[in-house]
């Protein structure tokens, strides 16, 4: 979101408009699909196409609207809890990796690879929007339920609660907390995005994507959610996750510990969503069985009355 907003100059409610537009598109496509299924009498025809289309559209709209408002909420973090944890995370990274990971990565990774990492990191937002739309339209109900539960929980618990408790800026904005900034020279997207974020912080603006927060890395969190949610696509999701995880440190956006916490947090949320989904499935099955039981009793009574009438 940050990178996208930095390059298109998005006003505060642009993504809300996008959310409504995409949710409407979901509804229209669902309606067309179910209408075709009804006309051609295919097995996928459903008695409630409009309801299902509107429900899926509402899921997409809610997720995107929440994402649009997230940057505004994140911009208030230093007001609620001023940045304090950067020294702590720098020390933790130094102990874990025997040095500052963002400096070590540039000793290991050739400089000509940095623009590629920067570009993939920029693709994170288009990937997020596409994933929300595709899951909302085409994913099986179980996958859809777990994805959106995990998505909203991750942004709320990790992106707001933990981010506020451990308020930090990351190496790229080290100068804002009395340290030294770290930003590779050959990372144009990172330069544009950091300038946009810095402008918002200095002007105390609350625009889309202008909040600064390092712990935990929501880029890493969402990339890891893709790995967990789409096991059949791991040939694609794992390399994407690796690029995002490395890029979050290599470009100076995050401390390595930010990504570690993100992975652990999303894994816990995903595991919890499975238990909740299983409970919901059992409840649905119980309701269905109860319905069958009522129909069975009704059929028995009809049969008994017929026997008596004879």
Foldseek 3Di string as FASTA:
>chain_A
DLLVCLVPVDFLCPLLVVLLVLLVVQLVVQVVVLVVCVVVVPPPRDPPSNVLSNVLSVLSSVLSVCLSQLLLLLLCLCVLPNADQPVVLQVVLCVVPVHFLLVVVPVVDDPVCLQVLLVLLSCLVVVVNVVSSCLSRPNPPLLSQLLSQLSVCLCPCQVRVVQSVNPHFWQQPQVVVPGHHDADPNRVSLVSSVVQLVVCNVVVHRGGNNHGTAAADVSLLVLLSCCVSCVVPCVPSVVSSVSNLSSCSNRGRYGNVNNVVSNVVSVVSSVVSVVVSVVVVVVVVVVVVVVVVVVVVVVVVVVVVVVVVD
